[in-house]
């Protein structure tokens, strides 16, 4: 499943444990937009919650331990 570049950025920030507001501030978008991106990510990756999103992100190669 393909995710957008912005969704990948949001996923990366989720993996760092940032809140929606913190992610929004770093990406210069609204927290409502972050909520939408997270919803889209959960649907695309069939994840129930943020920890599962991170696990799947690593499995699919969207996330890595090195930056």
PDB file of N, CA and C in Angstrom:
ATOM      1  N   UNK A   1       0.847  -1.179   0.000  1.00  0.00           N
ATOM      2  CA  UNK A   1       0.000   0.000   0.000  1.00  0.00           C
ATOM      3  C   UNK A   1       0.886   1.234   0.000  1.00  0.00           C
ATOM      4  N   UNK A   2       0.588   2.161  -0.863  1.00  0.00           N
ATOM      5  CA  UNK A   2       1.356   3.393  -0.963  1.00  0.00           C
ATOM      6  C   UNK A   2       0.768   4.465  -0.051  1.00  0.00           C
ATOM      7  N   UNK A   3       1.659   5.152   0.641  1.00  0.00           N
ATOM      8  CA  UNK A   3       1.237   6.305   1.422  1.00  0.00           C
ATOM      9  C   UNK A   3       1.925   7.533   0.840  1.00  0.00           C
ATOM     10  N   UNK A   4       1.324   8.695   1.066  1.00  0.00           N
ATOM     11  CA  UNK A   4       1.882   9.925   0.507  1.00  0.00           C
ATOM     12  C   UNK A   4       3.118  10.343   1.297  1.00  0.00           C
ATOM     13  N   UNK A   5       3.877  11.258   0.722  1.00  0.00           N
ATOM     14  CA  UNK A   5       5.066  11.769   1.396  1.00  0.00           C
ATOM     15  C   UNK A   5       4.674  12.430   2.722  1.00  0.00           C
ATOM     16  N   UNK A   6       3.597  13.189   2.731  1.00  0.00           N
ATOM     17  CA  UNK A   6       3.148  13.858   3.953  1.00  0.00           C
ATOM     18  C   UNK A   6       2.716  12.831   4.991  1.00  0.00           C
ATOM     19  N   UNK A   7       2.021  11.776   4.568  1.00  0.00           N
ATOM     20  CA  UNK A   7       1.628  10.719   5.498  1.00  0.00           C
ATOM     21  C   UNK A   7       2.869  10.052   6.088  1.00  0.00           C
ATOM     22  N   UNK A   8       3.893   9.882   5.272  1.00  0.00           N
ATOM     23  CA  UNK A   8       5.128   9.285   5.762  1.00  0.00           C
ATOM     24  C   UNK A   8       5.793  10.203   6.796  1.00  0.00           C
ATOM     25  N   UNK A   9       5.748  11.508   6.567  1.00  0.00           N
ATOM     26  CA  UNK A   9       6.288  12.454   7.542  1.00  0.00           C
ATOM     27  C   UNK A   9       5.516  12.370   8.855  1.00  0.00           C
ATOM     28  N   UNK A  10       4.206  12.307   8.758  1.00  0.00           N
ATOM     29  CA  UNK A  10       3.369  12.195   9.958  1.00  0.00           C
ATOM     30  C   UNK A  10       3.695  10.893  10.685  1.00  0.00           C
ATOM     31  N   UNK A  11       3.819   9.805   9.956  1.00  0.00           N
ATOM     32  CA  UNK A  11       4.141   8.517  10.551  1.00  0.00           C
ATOM     33  C   UNK A  11       5.482   8.570  11.271  1.00  0.00           C
ATOM     34  N   UNK A  12       6.456   9.220  10.676  1.00  0.00           N
ATOM     35  CA  UNK A  12       7.773   9.365  11.301  1.00  0.00           C
ATOM     36  C   UNK A  12       7.643  10.104  12.645  1.00  0.00           C
ATOM     37  N   UNK A  13       6.881  11.175  12.650  1.00  0.00           N
ATOM     38  CA  UNK A  13       6.694  11.936  13.878  1.00  0.00           C
ATOM     39  C   UNK A  13       5.912  11.140  14.929  1.00  0.00           C
ATOM     40  N   UNK A  14       4.955  10.350  14.483  1.00  0.00           N
ATOM     41  CA  UNK A  14       4.221   9.480  15.407  1.00  0.00           C
ATOM     42  C   UNK A  14       5.198   8.512  16.065  1.00  0.00           C
ATOM     43  N   UNK A  15       6.128   7.987  15.278  1.00  0.00           N
ATOM     44  CA  UNK A  15       7.091   7.020  15.818  1.00  0.00           C
ATOM     45  C   UNK A  15       8.005   7.647  16.861  1.00  0.00           C
ATOM     46  N   UNK A  16       8.162   8.972  16.841  1.00  0.00           N
ATOM     47  CA  UNK A  16       8.956   9.677  17.844  1.00  0.00           C
ATOM     48  C   UNK A  16       8.135   9.966  19.097  1.00  0.00           C
ATOM     49  N   UNK A  17       6.838   9.639  19.076  1.00  0.00           N
ATOM     50  CA  UNK A  17       5.992   9.828  20.236  1.00  0.00           C
ATOM     51  C   UNK A  17       5.418  11.228  20.382  1.00  0.00           C
ATOM     52  N   UNK A  18       5.409  11.992  19.288  1.00  0.00           N
ATOM     53  CA  UNK A  18       4.893  13.356  19.351  1.00  0.00           C
ATOM     54  C   UNK A  18       3.367  13.371  19.352  1.00  0.00           C
ATOM     55  N   UNK A  19       2.799  14.382  19.977  1.00  0.00           N
ATOM     56  CA  UNK A  19       1.349  14.555  19.978  1.00  0.00           C
ATOM     57  C   UNK A  19       0.907  15.159  18.648  1.00  0.00           C
ATOM     58  N   UNK A  20      -0.398  15.130  18.405  1.00  0.00           N
ATOM     59  CA  UNK A  20      -0.931  15.727  17.179  1.00  0.00           C
ATOM     60  C   UNK A  20      -0.536  17.200  17.081  1.00  0.00           C
ATOM     61  N   UNK A  21      -0.642  17.922  18.181  1.00  0.00           N
ATOM     62  CA  UNK A  21      -0.313  19.347  18.174  1.00  0.00           C
ATOM     63  C   UNK A  21       1.172  19.572  17.887  1.00  0.00           C
ATOM     64  N   UNK A  22       2.026  18.754  18.470  1.00  0.00           N
ATOM     65  CA  UNK A  22       3.468  18.880  18.227  1.00  0.00           C
ATOM     66  C   UNK A  22       3.811  18.590  16.768  1.00  0.00           C
ATOM     67  N   UNK A  23       3.176  17.568  16.208  1.00  0.00           N
ATOM     68  CA  UNK A  23       3.408  17.237  14.793  1.00  0.00           C
ATOM     69  C   UNK A  23       2.928  18.389  13.916  1.00  0.00           C
ATOM     70  N   UNK A  24       1.753  18.901  14.216  1.00  0.00           N
ATOM     71  CA  UNK A  24       1.194  20.007  13.432  1.00  0.00           C
ATOM     72  C   UNK A  24       2.128  21.212  13.449  1.00  0.00           C
ATOM     73  N   UNK A  25       2.658  21.542  14.615  1.00  0.00           N
ATOM     74  CA  UNK A  25       3.574  22.684  14.719  1.00  0.00           C
ATOM     75  C   UNK A  25       4.847  22.456  13.908  1.00  0.00           C
ATOM     76  N   UNK A  26       5.366  21.252  13.927  1.00  0.00           N
ATOM     77  CA  UNK A  26       6.602  20.960  13.188  1.00  0.00           C
ATOM     78  C   UNK A  26       6.390  20.957  11.678  1.00  0.00           C
ATOM     79  N   UNK A  27       5.188  20.555  11.249  1.00  0.00           N
ATOM     80  CA  UNK A  27       4.917  20.480   9.807  1.00  0.00           C
ATOM     81  C   UNK A  27       4.163  21.701   9.286  1.00  0.00           C
ATOM     82  N   UNK A  28       3.869  22.660  10.185  1.00  0.00           N
ATOM     83  CA  UNK A  28       3.188  23.899   9.811  1.00  0.00           C
ATOM     84  C   UNK A  28       1.819  23.646   9.181  1.00  0.00           C
ATOM     85  N   UNK A  29       1.075  22.709   9.789  1.00  0.00           N
ATOM     86  CA  UNK A  29      -0.290  22.430   9.367  1.00  0.00           C
ATOM     87  C   UNK A  29      -1.154  22.334  10.615  1.00  0.00           C
ATOM     88  N   UNK A  30      -2.467  22.284  10.442  1.00  0.00           N
ATOM     89  CA  UNK A  30      -3.358  22.250  11.599  1.00  0.00           C
ATOM     90  C   UNK A  30      -3.401  20.854  12.228  1.00  0.00           C
ATOM     91  N   UNK A  31      -3.764  20.820  13.500  1.00  0.00           N
ATOM     92  CA  UNK A  31      -3.887  19.529  14.179  1.00  0.00           C
ATOM     93  C   UNK A  31      -5.039  18.719  13.596  1.00  0.00           C
ATOM     94  N   UNK A  32      -6.044  19.399  13.025  1.00  0.00           N
ATOM     95  CA  UNK A  32      -7.145  18.689  12.355  1.00  0.00           C
ATOM     96  C   UNK A  32      -6.625  17.934  11.131  1.00  0.00           C
ATOM     97  N   UNK A  33      -5.676  18.522  10.436  1.00  0.00           N
ATOM     98  CA  UNK A  33      -5.074  17.863   9.281  1.00  0.00           C
ATOM     99  C   UNK A  33      -4.284  16.633   9.727  1.00  0.00           C
ATOM    100  N   UNK A  34      -3.598  16.741  10.855  1.00  0.00           N
ATOM    101  CA  UNK A  34      -2.861  15.597  11.395  1.00  0.00           C
ATOM    102  C   UNK A  34      -3.829  14.459  11.708  1.00  0.00           C
ATOM    103  N   UNK A  35      -4.951  14.795  12.313  1.00  0.00           N
ATOM    104  CA  UNK A  35      -5.962  13.785  12.631  1.00  0.00           C
ATOM    105  C   UNK A  35      -6.436  13.091  11.350  1.00  0.00           C
ATOM    106  N   UNK A  36      -6.631  13.855  10.287  1.00  0.00           N
ATOM    107  CA  UNK A  36      -7.045  13.275   9.002  1.00  0.00           C
ATOM    108  C   UNK A  36      -5.957  12.363   8.428  1.00  0.00           C
ATOM    109  N   UNK A  37      -4.710  12.804   8.501  1.00  0.00           N
ATOM    110  CA  UNK A  37      -3.604  11.970   8.010  1.00  0.00           C
ATOM    111  C   UNK A  37      -3.518  10.667   8.798  1.00  0.00           C
ATOM    112  N   UNK A  38      -3.668  10.756  10.119  1.00  0.00           N
ATOM    113  CA  UNK A  38      -3.615   9.546  10.937  1.00  0.00           C
ATOM    114  C   UNK A  38      -4.765   8.599  10.597  1.00  0.00           C
ATOM    115  N   UNK A  39      -5.947   9.148  10.367  1.00  0.00           N
ATOM    116  CA  UNK A  39      -7.099   8.324   9.976  1.00  0.00           C
ATOM    117  C   UNK A  39      -6.817   7.628   8.650  1.00  0.00           C
ATOM    118  N   UNK A  40      -6.291   8.380   7.687  1.00  0.00           N
ATOM    119  CA  UNK A  40      -5.963   7.799   6.385  1.00  0.00           C
ATOM    120  C   UNK A  40      -4.891   6.724   6.509  1.00  0.00           C
ATOM    121  N   UNK A  41      -3.891   6.970   7.333  1.00  0.00           N
ATOM    122  CA  UNK A  41      -2.840   5.969   7.551  1.00  0.00           C
ATOM    123  C   UNK A  41      -3.406   4.699   8.164  1.00  0.00           C
ATOM    124  N   UNK A  42      -4.270   4.839   9.172  1.00  0.00           N
ATOM    125  CA  UNK A  42      -4.870   3.655   9.796  1.00  0.00           C
ATOM    126  C   UNK A  42      -5.673   2.850   8.789  1.00  0.00           C
ATOM    127  N   UNK A  43      -6.401   3.542   7.906  1.00  0.00           N
ATOM    128  CA  UNK A  43      -7.187   2.842   6.885  1.00  0.00           C
ATOM    129  C   UNK A  43      -6.281   2.164   5.867  1.00  0.00           C
ATOM    130  N   UNK A  44      -5.297   2.900   5.357  1.00  0.00           N
ATOM    131  CA  UNK A  44      -4.411   2.357   4.323  1.00  0.00           C
ATOM    132  C   UNK A  44      -3.576   1.185   4.830  1.00  0.00           C
ATOM    133  N   UNK A  45      -3.138   1.276   6.085  1.00  0.00           N
ATOM    134  CA  UNK A  45      -2.254   0.246   6.624  1.00  0.00           C
ATOM    135  C   UNK A  45      -2.991  -0.769   7.488  1.00  0.00           C
ATOM    136  N   UNK A  46      -4.312  -0.650   7.566  1.00  0.00           N
ATOM    137  CA  UNK A  46      -5.150  -1.562   8.365  1.00  0.00           C
ATOM    138  C   UNK A  46      -4.646  -1.662   9.799  1.00  0.00           C
ATOM    139  N   UNK A  47      -4.451  -0.505  10.410  1.00  0.00           N
ATOM    140  CA  UNK A  47      -3.957  -0.442  11.785  1.00  0.00           C
ATOM    141  C   UNK A  47      -5.060   0.088  12.694  1.00  0.00           C
ATOM    142  N   UNK A  48      -5.112  -0.446  13.908  1.00  0.00           N
ATOM    143  CA  UNK A  48      -6.138  -0.035  14.861  1.00  0.00           C
ATOM    144  C   UNK A  48      -5.735   1.185  15.682  1.00  0.00           C
ATOM    145  N   UNK A  49      -4.409   1.406  15.837  1.00  0.00           N
ATOM    146  CA  UNK A  49      -3.947   2.487  16.697  1.00  0.00           C
ATOM    147  C   UNK A  49      -2.529   2.910  16.297  1.00  0.00           C
ATOM    148  N   UNK A  50      -2.002   3.915  16.997  1.00  0.00           N
ATOM    149  CA  UNK A  50      -0.687   4.468  16.658  1.00  0.00           C
ATOM    150  C   UNK A  50       0.450   3.452  16.817  1.00  0.00           C
ATOM    151  N   UNK A  51       0.490   2.676  17.915  1.00  0.00           N
ATOM    152  CA  UNK A  51       1.569   1.688  18.013  1.00  0.00           C
ATOM    153  C   UNK A  51       1.562   0.682  16.857  1.00  0.00           C
ATOM    154  N   UNK A  52       0.383   0.295  16.435  1.00  0.00           N
ATOM    155  CA  UNK A  52       0.286  -0.636  15.318  1.00  0.00           C
ATOM    156  C   UNK A  52       0.724   0.041  14.019  1.00  0.00           C
ATOM    157  N   UNK A  53       0.415   1.327  13.864  1.00  0.00           N
ATOM    158  CA  UNK A  53       0.892   2.080  12.703  1.00  0.00           C
ATOM    159  C   UNK A  53       2.414   2.056  12.639  1.00  0.00           C
ATOM    160  N   UNK A  54       3.054   2.277  13.779  1.00  0.00           N
ATOM    161  CA  UNK A  54       4.515   2.288  13.828  1.00  0.00           C
ATOM    162  C   UNK A  54       5.069   0.907  13.479  1.00  0.00           C
ATOM    163  N   UNK A  55       4.496  -0.131  14.052  1.00  0.00           N
ATOM    164  CA  UNK A  55       4.952  -1.501  13.764  1.00  0.00           C
ATOM    165  C   UNK A  55       4.853  -1.804  12.282  1.00  0.00           C
ATOM    166  N   UNK A  56       3.715  -1.490  11.692  1.00  0.00           N
ATOM    167  CA  UNK A  56       3.501  -1.750  10.272  1.00  0.00           C
ATOM    168  C   UNK A  56       4.422  -0.864   9.435  1.00  0.00           C
ATOM    169  N   UNK A  57       4.636   0.375   9.876  1.00  0.00           N
ATOM    170  CA  UNK A  57       5.544   1.276   9.176  1.00  0.00           C
ATOM    171  C   UNK A  57       6.940   0.705   9.072  1.00  0.00           C
ATOM    172  N   UNK A  58       7.417   0.079  10.156  1.00  0.00           N
ATOM    173  CA  UNK A  58       8.728  -0.570  10.118  1.00  0.00           C
ATOM    174  C   UNK A  58       8.701  -1.792   9.214  1.00  0.00           C
ATOM    175  N   UNK A  59       7.662  -2.593   9.309  1.00  0.00           N
ATOM    176  CA  UNK A  59       7.551  -3.811   8.497  1.00  0.00           C
ATOM    177  C   UNK A  59       7.557  -3.500   7.004  1.00  0.00           C
ATOM    178  N   UNK A  60       6.884  -2.412   6.619  1.00  0.00           N
ATOM    179  CA  UNK A  60       6.774  -2.069   5.202  1.00  0.00           C
ATOM    180  C   UNK A  60       7.920  -1.176   4.708  1.00  0.00           C
ATOM    181  N   UNK A  61       8.811  -0.790   5.605  1.00  0.00           N
ATOM    182  CA  UNK A  61       9.963   0.004   5.206  1.00  0.00           C
ATOM    183  C   UNK A  61       9.737   1.497   5.151  1.00  0.00           C
ATOM    184  N   UNK A  62       8.614   1.965   5.651  1.00  0.00           N
ATOM    185  CA  UNK A  62       8.367   3.407   5.700  1.00  0.00           C
ATOM    186  C   UNK A  62       9.161   4.066   6.816  1.00  0.00           C
ATOM    187  N   UNK A  63       9.526   3.272   7.841  1.00  0.00           N
ATOM    188  CA  UNK A  63      10.308   3.756   8.963  1.00  0.00           C
ATOM    189  C   UNK A  63      11.562   2.909   9.100  1.00  0.00           C
ATOM    190  N   UNK A  64      12.613   3.505   9.620  1.00  0.00           N
ATOM    191  CA  UNK A  64      13.826   2.754   9.901  1.00  0.00           C
ATOM    192  C   UNK A  64      14.454   3.300  11.171  1.00  0.00           C
ATOM    193  N   UNK A  65      15.378   2.556  11.750  1.00  0.00           N
ATOM    194  CA  UNK A  65      16.023   2.980  12.983  1.00  0.00           C
ATOM    195  C   UNK A  65      17.039   4.090  12.736  1.00  0.00           C
ATOM    196  N   UNK A  66      17.585   4.160  11.539  1.00  0.00           N
ATOM    197  CA  UNK A  66      18.529   5.234  11.213  1.00  0.00           C
ATOM    198  C   UNK A  66      17.795   6.381  10.561  1.00  0.00           C
ATOM    199  N   UNK A  67      18.280   7.583  10.807  1.00  0.00           N
ATOM    200  CA  UNK A  67      17.604   8.764  10.234  1.00  0.00           C
ATOM    201  C   UNK A  67      18.340   9.260   9.016  1.00  0.00           C
TER     202      UNK A  67
END
